[in-house]
């Protein structure tokens, strides 16, 4: 059984056109969290590319966004 601590902040990040982590994964995860009473906001990273890869671009943009968010939680 899935157990979630609703006191922990959570966000879901996605990038349009990621060739490896399709956006349907994000919406499926959000629906599963909502089914357990967790409202996880979606963060749109846009269409970042790195080295010809949207997936690598989303990894770079997502990591930077997560670090900024974590710093804001202090």
C-alpha atoms as a PDB file:
ATOM      1  CA  UNK A   1       0.000   0.000   0.000  1.00  0.00           C
ATOM      2  CA  UNK A   2       1.263   3.445  -0.903  1.00  0.00           C
ATOM      3  CA  UNK A   3       1.746   5.708   2.111  1.00  0.00           C
ATOM      4  CA  UNK A   4       2.493   9.381   1.693  1.00  0.00           C
ATOM      5  CA  UNK A   5       3.443  12.019   4.202  1.00  0.00           C
ATOM      6  CA  UNK A   6       1.353  14.989   3.127  1.00  0.00           C
ATOM      7  CA  UNK A   7       3.538  17.267   5.239  1.00  0.00           C
ATOM      8  CA  UNK A   8       6.487  16.908   2.866  1.00  0.00           C
ATOM      9  CA  UNK A   9       6.498  19.356  -0.050  1.00  0.00           C
ATOM     10  CA  UNK A  10       6.410  17.778  -3.484  1.00  0.00           C
ATOM     11  CA  UNK A  11       6.491  19.020  -7.063  1.00  0.00           C
ATOM     12  CA  UNK A  12       6.528  17.264 -10.402  1.00  0.00           C
ATOM     13  CA  UNK A  13       8.697  18.661 -13.184  1.00  0.00           C
ATOM     14  CA  UNK A  14       8.288  17.997 -16.902  1.00  0.00           C
ATOM     15  CA  UNK A  15       9.528  19.258 -20.259  1.00  0.00           C
ATOM     16  CA  UNK A  16       7.560  19.268 -23.497  1.00  0.00           C
ATOM     17  CA  UNK A  17       8.810  16.675 -25.966  1.00  0.00           C
ATOM     18  CA  UNK A  18      11.162  14.777 -23.639  1.00  0.00           C
ATOM     19  CA  UNK A  19      12.017  11.741 -25.734  1.00  0.00           C
ATOM     20  CA  UNK A  20      12.665   9.473 -22.733  1.00  0.00           C
ATOM     21  CA  UNK A  21      10.392  10.648 -19.920  1.00  0.00           C
ATOM     22  CA  UNK A  22       7.060  11.255 -21.631  1.00  0.00           C
ATOM     23  CA  UNK A  23       4.645  13.748 -20.092  1.00  0.00           C
ATOM     24  CA  UNK A  24       2.087  10.981 -19.581  1.00  0.00           C
ATOM     25  CA  UNK A  25       4.342   9.707 -16.768  1.00  0.00           C
ATOM     26  CA  UNK A  26       3.940  13.050 -15.002  1.00  0.00           C
ATOM     27  CA  UNK A  27       0.172  13.160 -15.328  1.00  0.00           C
ATOM     28  CA  UNK A  28      -0.110   9.516 -14.216  1.00  0.00           C
ATOM     29  CA  UNK A  29       2.057  10.204 -11.154  1.00  0.00           C
ATOM     30  CA  UNK A  30       0.028  13.307 -10.293  1.00  0.00           C
ATOM     31  CA  UNK A  31      -3.223  11.327 -10.541  1.00  0.00           C
ATOM     32  CA  UNK A  32      -1.826   8.615  -8.252  1.00  0.00           C
ATOM     33  CA  UNK A  33      -0.740  11.216  -5.704  1.00  0.00           C
ATOM     34  CA  UNK A  34      -4.148  12.928  -5.848  1.00  0.00           C
ATOM     35  CA  UNK A  35      -5.842   9.581  -5.245  1.00  0.00           C
ATOM     36  CA  UNK A  36      -3.942   9.533  -1.946  1.00  0.00           C
ATOM     37  CA  UNK A  37      -4.850  13.108  -1.015  1.00  0.00           C
ATOM     38  CA  UNK A  38      -1.644  14.816  -2.201  1.00  0.00           C
ATOM     39  CA  UNK A  39      -1.857  17.847  -4.471  1.00  0.00           C
ATOM     40  CA  UNK A  40       1.488  17.979  -6.272  1.00  0.00           C
ATOM     41  CA  UNK A  41       1.892  21.040  -8.483  1.00  0.00           C
ATOM     42  CA  UNK A  42       3.271  20.552 -11.981  1.00  0.00           C
ATOM     43  CA  UNK A  43       6.257  22.646 -13.027  1.00  0.00           C
ATOM     44  CA  UNK A  44       6.618  23.146 -16.782  1.00  0.00           C
ATOM     45  CA  UNK A  45      10.288  23.403 -17.744  1.00  0.00           C
ATOM     46  CA  UNK A  46       9.400  24.449 -21.272  1.00  0.00           C
ATOM     47  CA  UNK A  47      11.393  22.980 -24.157  1.00  0.00           C
ATOM     48  CA  UNK A  48      15.026  22.871 -23.004  1.00  0.00           C
ATOM     49  CA  UNK A  49      17.557  21.105 -25.232  1.00  0.00           C
ATOM     50  CA  UNK A  50      21.144  20.137 -24.496  1.00  0.00           C
ATOM     51  CA  UNK A  51      23.401  18.410 -26.965  1.00  0.00           C
ATOM     52  CA  UNK A  52      20.445  17.757 -29.259  1.00  0.00           C
ATOM     53  CA  UNK A  53      18.466  16.019 -26.522  1.00  0.00           C
ATOM     54  CA  UNK A  54      15.331  17.287 -24.842  1.00  0.00           C
ATOM     55  CA  UNK A  55      15.824  14.690 -22.113  1.00  0.00           C
ATOM     56  CA  UNK A  56      19.303  15.990 -21.259  1.00  0.00           C
ATOM     57  CA  UNK A  57      17.976  19.543 -21.430  1.00  0.00           C
ATOM     58  CA  UNK A  58      15.119  18.728 -19.068  1.00  0.00           C
ATOM     59  CA  UNK A  59      17.574  17.098 -16.663  1.00  0.00           C
ATOM     60  CA  UNK A  60      19.691  20.227 -16.558  1.00  0.00           C
ATOM     61  CA  UNK A  61      16.737  22.611 -16.315  1.00  0.00           C
ATOM     62  CA  UNK A  62      14.975  20.399 -13.768  1.00  0.00           C
ATOM     63  CA  UNK A  63      18.018  20.052 -11.529  1.00  0.00           C
ATOM     64  CA  UNK A  64      18.523  23.821 -11.475  1.00  0.00           C
ATOM     65  CA  UNK A  65      14.815  24.390 -10.746  1.00  0.00           C
ATOM     66  CA  UNK A  66      14.818  21.860  -7.896  1.00  0.00           C
ATOM     67  CA  UNK A  67      17.906  23.433  -6.305  1.00  0.00           C
ATOM     68  CA  UNK A  68      16.280  26.890  -6.463  1.00  0.00           C
ATOM     69  CA  UNK A  69      13.088  25.485  -4.933  1.00  0.00           C
ATOM     70  CA  UNK A  70      14.936  23.654  -2.148  1.00  0.00           C
ATOM     71  CA  UNK A  71      16.814  26.859  -1.297  1.00  0.00           C
ATOM     72  CA  UNK A  72      13.519  28.732  -1.032  1.00  0.00           C
ATOM     73  CA  UNK A  73      12.278  26.225   1.595  1.00  0.00           C
ATOM     74  CA  UNK A  74      14.883  27.234   4.171  1.00  0.00           C
END
